[in-house]
Amino acid sequence: MSNVDLKIGGRSFKVACAAGEEDHVTGLGRLIDQKIAGMGDMGGQSEARMLLFASLLLADELHEARNRSPGTASAAPVDDAKMAEKLESVAAALEKCAMHLEGGG
């Protein structure tokens, strides 16, 4: 087991991951941080809500990619098992962040 430090929304989070997955989890953290930065001023929303909105945006992108009709341009075929694994990793990281934000971590 390894730990990585993620900087999301101006805050640092230490997240556990499997050995060898450090770069992948760090990249996922950057993606979440980019989504939060792209949302602009959230008018006093809590960090937990900002993470929720970023997660919803990412889930929507995944949904669109999975449901894209075969005749439209696509970057690459979606590997459902790999995508599910990535989503589980993101969900676990978000759960830890939420626990930390709520004072339980």
N, C-alpha and C. Protein backbone atom coordinates (compact mmCIF):
# COMPACT_ATOMS: atom_id res chain seq x y z
N MET A 1 0.84 -1.17 0.00
CA MET A 1 0.00 0.00 0.00
C MET A 1 0.89 1.24 0.00
N SER A 2 0.47 2.23 -0.76
CA SER A 2 1.20 3.49 -0.85
C SER A 2 0.27 4.64 -0.51
N ASN A 3 0.85 5.79 -0.28
CA ASN A 3 0.08 7.01 -0.05
C ASN A 3 0.51 8.05 -1.07
N VAL A 4 -0.45 8.83 -1.53
CA VAL A 4 -0.14 9.96 -2.41
C VAL A 4 -0.78 11.20 -1.81
N ASP A 5 -0.17 12.33 -2.05
CA ASP A 5 -0.71 13.62 -1.62
C ASP A 5 -1.38 14.27 -2.81
N LEU A 6 -2.66 14.56 -2.68
CA LEU A 6 -3.42 15.21 -3.73
C LEU A 6 -3.73 16.63 -3.30
N LYS A 7 -3.67 17.56 -4.24
CA LYS A 7 -4.07 18.94 -3.98
C LYS A 7 -5.33 19.18 -4.81
N ILE A 8 -6.45 19.32 -4.10
CA ILE A 8 -7.74 19.49 -4.76
C ILE A 8 -8.44 20.69 -4.14
N GLY A 9 -8.80 21.62 -4.99
CA GLY A 9 -9.51 22.80 -4.50
C GLY A 9 -8.72 23.60 -3.49
N GLY A 10 -7.39 23.60 -3.63
CA GLY A 10 -6.54 24.36 -2.73
C GLY A 10 -6.22 23.66 -1.42
N ARG A 11 -6.71 22.45 -1.25
CA ARG A 11 -6.45 21.69 -0.02
C ARG A 11 -5.64 20.45 -0.37
N SER A 12 -4.87 20.00 0.60
CA SER A 12 -4.07 18.78 0.41
C SER A 12 -4.74 17.61 1.11
N PHE A 13 -4.72 16.46 0.44
CA PHE A 13 -5.30 15.25 0.97
C PHE A 13 -4.31 14.10 0.79
N LYS A 14 -4.14 13.29 1.80
CA LYS A 14 -3.32 12.09 1.71
C LYS A 14 -4.26 10.93 1.44
N VAL A 15 -4.02 10.19 0.34
CA VAL A 15 -4.89 9.11 -0.08
C VAL A 15 -4.08 7.84 -0.24
N ALA A 16 -4.60 6.74 0.29
CA ALA A 16 -3.95 5.45 0.14
C ALA A 16 -4.32 4.85 -1.21
N CYS A 17 -3.37 4.13 -1.79
CA CYS A 17 -3.63 3.44 -3.06
C CYS A 17 -2.72 2.22 -3.15
N ALA A 18 -3.00 1.37 -4.09
CA ALA A 18 -2.19 0.18 -4.29
C ALA A 18 -0.81 0.58 -4.82
N ALA A 19 0.19 -0.19 -4.45
CA ALA A 19 1.55 0.07 -4.94
C ALA A 19 1.53 0.04 -6.47
N GLY A 20 2.19 1.01 -7.07
CA GLY A 20 2.24 1.11 -8.52
C GLY A 20 1.12 1.97 -9.11
N GLU A 21 0.14 2.36 -8.30
CA GLU A 21 -0.98 3.16 -8.78
C GLU A 21 -0.83 4.64 -8.44
N GLU A 22 0.31 5.02 -7.89
CA GLU A 22 0.50 6.39 -7.43
C GLU A 22 0.28 7.42 -8.54
N ASP A 23 0.88 7.21 -9.71
CA ASP A 23 0.73 8.17 -10.80
C ASP A 23 -0.71 8.25 -11.28
N HIS A 24 -1.35 7.10 -11.33
CA HIS A 24 -2.75 7.06 -11.77
C HIS A 24 -3.65 7.84 -10.81
N VAL A 25 -3.51 7.59 -9.52
CA VAL A 25 -4.34 8.28 -8.53
C VAL A 25 -4.02 9.78 -8.51
N THR A 26 -2.76 10.13 -8.66
CA THR A 26 -2.37 11.54 -8.73
C THR A 26 -3.03 12.20 -9.94
N GLY A 27 -3.06 11.50 -11.07
CA GLY A 27 -3.72 12.03 -12.27
C GLY A 27 -5.21 12.21 -12.06
N LEU A 28 -5.84 11.27 -11.36
CA LEU A 28 -7.27 11.41 -11.06
C LEU A 28 -7.51 12.62 -10.17
N GLY A 29 -6.63 12.83 -9.21
CA GLY A 29 -6.74 14.00 -8.34
C GLY A 29 -6.63 15.29 -9.13
N ARG A 30 -5.70 15.32 -10.10
CA ARG A 30 -5.55 16.52 -10.95
C ARG A 30 -6.82 16.76 -11.76
N LEU A 31 -7.42 15.68 -12.25
CA LEU A 31 -8.65 15.79 -13.02
C LEU A 31 -9.77 16.40 -12.17
N ILE A 32 -9.91 15.93 -10.95
CA ILE A 32 -10.92 16.47 -10.04
C ILE A 32 -10.63 17.94 -9.74
N ASP A 33 -9.36 18.27 -9.50
CA ASP A 33 -8.98 19.65 -9.22
C ASP A 33 -9.29 20.55 -10.42
N GLN A 34 -9.06 20.06 -11.63
CA GLN A 34 -9.36 20.83 -12.83
C GLN A 34 -10.86 21.09 -12.96
N LYS A 35 -11.66 20.08 -12.61
CA LYS A 35 -13.11 20.26 -12.66
C LYS A 35 -13.55 21.33 -11.68
N ILE A 36 -13.00 21.29 -10.48
CA ILE A 36 -13.36 22.28 -9.46
C ILE A 36 -12.94 23.68 -9.92
N ALA A 37 -11.73 23.78 -10.47
CA ALA A 37 -11.25 25.08 -10.95
C ALA A 37 -12.13 25.59 -12.09
N GLY A 38 -12.61 24.70 -12.93
CA GLY A 38 -13.45 25.08 -14.06
C GLY A 38 -14.86 25.50 -13.68
N MET A 39 -15.26 25.22 -12.45
CA MET A 39 -16.60 25.58 -12.01
C MET A 39 -16.69 27.05 -11.61
N GLY A 40 -15.55 27.71 -11.47
CA GLY A 40 -15.55 29.11 -11.11
C GLY A 40 -15.96 29.33 -9.67
N ASP A 41 -16.42 30.53 -9.36
CA ASP A 41 -16.82 30.88 -8.00
C ASP A 41 -18.10 30.15 -7.65
N MET A 42 -18.04 29.34 -6.61
CA MET A 42 -19.20 28.56 -6.19
C MET A 42 -20.00 29.28 -5.09
N GLY A 43 -19.70 30.53 -4.85
CA GLY A 43 -20.48 31.34 -3.94
C GLY A 43 -20.62 30.78 -2.53
N GLY A 44 -19.52 30.41 -1.92
CA GLY A 44 -19.55 29.96 -0.54
C GLY A 44 -19.96 28.51 -0.34
N GLN A 45 -19.98 27.72 -1.40
CA GLN A 45 -20.31 26.30 -1.25
C GLN A 45 -19.23 25.60 -0.43
N SER A 46 -19.63 24.59 0.32
CA SER A 46 -18.66 23.84 1.12
C SER A 46 -17.77 23.01 0.19
N GLU A 47 -16.62 22.60 0.73
CA GLU A 47 -15.72 21.77 -0.07
C GLU A 47 -16.37 20.45 -0.44
N ALA A 48 -17.15 19.91 0.48
CA ALA A 48 -17.83 18.65 0.19
C ALA A 48 -18.78 18.81 -1.00
N ARG A 49 -19.50 19.92 -1.06
CA ARG A 49 -20.41 20.15 -2.19
C ARG A 49 -19.64 20.40 -3.48
N MET A 50 -18.50 21.09 -3.39
CA MET A 50 -17.69 21.29 -4.59
C MET A 50 -17.19 19.95 -5.11
N LEU A 51 -16.75 19.05 -4.21
CA LEU A 51 -16.31 17.73 -4.64
C LEU A 51 -17.48 16.95 -5.23
N LEU A 52 -18.65 17.10 -4.66
CA LEU A 52 -19.84 16.45 -5.20
C LEU A 52 -20.11 16.93 -6.61
N PHE A 53 -20.10 18.24 -6.83
CA PHE A 53 -20.36 18.79 -8.16
C PHE A 53 -19.30 18.33 -9.16
N ALA A 54 -18.04 18.33 -8.76
CA ALA A 54 -16.97 17.85 -9.65
C ALA A 54 -17.20 16.39 -10.00
N SER A 55 -17.61 15.58 -9.03
CA SER A 55 -17.88 14.16 -9.27
C SER A 55 -19.04 14.00 -10.24
N LEU A 56 -20.09 14.82 -10.06
CA LEU A 56 -21.23 14.74 -10.97
C LEU A 56 -20.82 15.11 -12.40
N LEU A 57 -19.99 16.12 -12.54
CA LEU A 57 -19.53 16.50 -13.88
C LEU A 57 -18.73 15.37 -14.53
N LEU A 58 -17.84 14.75 -13.74
CA LEU A 58 -17.05 13.64 -14.27
C LEU A 58 -17.93 12.44 -14.60
N ALA A 59 -18.91 12.15 -13.76
CA ALA A 59 -19.83 11.04 -14.02
C ALA A 59 -20.64 11.32 -15.29
N ASP A 60 -21.03 12.58 -15.49
CA ASP A 60 -21.77 12.94 -16.70
C ASP A 60 -20.91 12.73 -17.94
N GLU A 61 -19.64 13.11 -17.87
CA GLU A 61 -18.73 12.90 -19.00
C GLU A 61 -18.59 11.40 -19.30
N LEU A 62 -18.47 10.59 -18.25
CA LEU A 62 -18.38 9.15 -18.43
C LEU A 62 -19.65 8.61 -19.07
N HIS A 63 -20.80 9.07 -18.58
CA HIS A 63 -22.09 8.64 -19.13
C HIS A 63 -22.17 8.98 -20.62
N GLU A 64 -21.79 10.20 -20.97
CA GLU A 64 -21.81 10.62 -22.38
C GLU A 64 -20.88 9.76 -23.22
N ALA A 65 -19.70 9.47 -22.71
CA ALA A 65 -18.74 8.65 -23.46
C ALA A 65 -19.27 7.23 -23.68
N ARG A 66 -19.91 6.68 -22.67
CA ARG A 66 -20.46 5.32 -22.78
C ARG A 66 -21.64 5.26 -23.72
N ASN A 67 -22.40 6.33 -23.79
CA ASN A 67 -23.62 6.32 -24.59
C ASN A 67 -23.48 7.00 -25.94
N ARG A 68 -22.27 7.36 -26.30
CA ARG A 68 -22.02 7.99 -27.59
C ARG A 68 -22.39 6.99 -28.68
N SER A 69 -23.14 7.42 -29.66
CA SER A 69 -23.53 6.49 -30.73
C SER A 69 -22.31 6.06 -31.52
N PRO A 70 -22.32 4.83 -32.03
CA PRO A 70 -21.14 4.28 -32.72
C PRO A 70 -20.67 5.11 -33.90
N GLY A 71 -21.56 5.90 -34.52
CA GLY A 71 -21.17 6.68 -35.69
C GLY A 71 -20.45 7.97 -35.37
N THR A 72 -20.40 8.36 -34.10
CA THR A 72 -19.74 9.62 -33.75
C THR A 72 -18.28 9.38 -33.41
N ALA A 73 -17.51 10.43 -33.51
CA ALA A 73 -16.08 10.32 -33.21
C ALA A 73 -15.88 10.02 -31.74
N SER A 74 -14.93 9.15 -31.46
CA SER A 74 -14.63 8.78 -30.08
C SER A 74 -13.12 8.64 -29.96
N ALA A 75 -12.58 9.08 -28.83
CA ALA A 75 -11.13 9.01 -28.63
C ALA A 75 -10.66 7.56 -28.60
N ALA A 76 -11.37 6.72 -27.88
CA ALA A 76 -10.99 5.31 -27.76
C ALA A 76 -12.17 4.55 -27.21
N PRO A 77 -12.23 3.23 -27.49
CA PRO A 77 -13.32 2.45 -26.91
C PRO A 77 -13.22 2.44 -25.39
N VAL A 78 -14.36 2.42 -24.74
CA VAL A 78 -14.39 2.43 -23.28
C VAL A 78 -14.32 0.99 -22.77
N ASP A 79 -13.35 0.71 -21.94
CA ASP A 79 -13.22 -0.59 -21.29
C ASP A 79 -14.00 -0.50 -19.98
N ASP A 80 -15.19 -1.12 -19.95
CA ASP A 80 -16.06 -0.98 -18.79
C ASP A 80 -15.40 -1.44 -17.49
N ALA A 81 -14.67 -2.54 -17.53
CA ALA A 81 -14.03 -3.04 -16.30
C ALA A 81 -12.99 -2.05 -15.80
N LYS A 82 -12.19 -1.52 -16.72
CA LYS A 82 -11.15 -0.56 -16.33
C LYS A 82 -11.78 0.74 -15.82
N MET A 83 -12.85 1.18 -16.50
CA MET A 83 -13.52 2.40 -16.09
C MET A 83 -14.15 2.21 -14.71
N ALA A 84 -14.75 1.05 -14.48
CA ALA A 84 -15.35 0.78 -13.17
C ALA A 84 -14.28 0.81 -12.09
N GLU A 85 -13.12 0.26 -12.38
CA GLU A 85 -12.01 0.26 -11.42
C GLU A 85 -11.58 1.69 -11.11
N LYS A 86 -11.50 2.51 -12.15
CA LYS A 86 -11.10 3.91 -11.95
C LYS A 86 -12.15 4.66 -11.12
N LEU A 87 -13.43 4.42 -11.42
CA LEU A 87 -14.49 5.08 -10.68
C LEU A 87 -14.49 4.65 -9.21
N GLU A 88 -14.22 3.38 -8.96
CA GLU A 88 -14.14 2.91 -7.58
C GLU A 88 -13.00 3.60 -6.85
N SER A 89 -11.89 3.79 -7.54
CA SER A 89 -10.75 4.47 -6.94
C SER A 89 -11.10 5.93 -6.62
N VAL A 90 -11.77 6.60 -7.55
CA VAL A 90 -12.18 7.99 -7.33
C VAL A 90 -13.19 8.05 -6.20
N ALA A 91 -14.14 7.12 -6.18
CA ALA A 91 -15.16 7.11 -5.13
C ALA A 91 -14.52 6.93 -3.76
N ALA A 92 -13.54 6.03 -3.67
CA ALA A 92 -12.86 5.81 -2.39
C ALA A 92 -12.12 7.08 -1.95
N ALA A 93 -11.46 7.73 -2.90
CA ALA A 93 -10.74 8.96 -2.57
C ALA A 93 -11.70 10.05 -2.11
N LEU A 94 -12.84 10.17 -2.80
CA LEU A 94 -13.83 11.19 -2.42
C LEU A 94 -14.44 10.88 -1.07
N GLU A 95 -14.64 9.60 -0.79
CA GLU A 95 -15.19 9.22 0.51
C GLU A 95 -14.23 9.61 1.62
N LYS A 96 -12.93 9.38 1.42
CA LYS A 96 -11.94 9.78 2.42
C LYS A 96 -11.91 11.29 2.58
N CYS A 97 -12.01 12.01 1.47
CA CYS A 97 -12.02 13.47 1.53
C CYS A 97 -13.24 13.95 2.32
N ALA A 98 -14.40 13.36 2.04
CA ALA A 98 -15.62 13.76 2.73
C ALA A 98 -15.50 13.49 4.23
N MET A 99 -14.94 12.32 4.59
CA MET A 99 -14.76 12.00 6.00
C MET A 99 -13.84 13.01 6.66
N HIS A 100 -12.76 13.38 5.95
CA HIS A 100 -11.82 14.37 6.47
C HIS A 100 -12.49 15.72 6.68
N LEU A 101 -13.29 16.11 5.69
CA LEU A 101 -13.98 17.41 5.76
C LEU A 101 -15.02 17.43 6.89
N GLU A 102 -15.61 16.28 7.17
CA GLU A 102 -16.60 16.21 8.23
C GLU A 102 -15.98 16.01 9.59
N GLY A 103 -14.63 15.97 9.66
CA GLY A 103 -13.95 15.86 10.93
C GLY A 103 -13.77 14.44 11.41
N GLY A 104 -14.03 13.45 10.57
CA GLY A 104 -13.90 12.06 10.98
C GLY A 104 -12.61 11.42 10.53
N GLY A 105 -11.72 12.16 9.90
CA GLY A 105 -10.51 11.53 9.39
C GLY A 105 -9.38 12.30 9.77
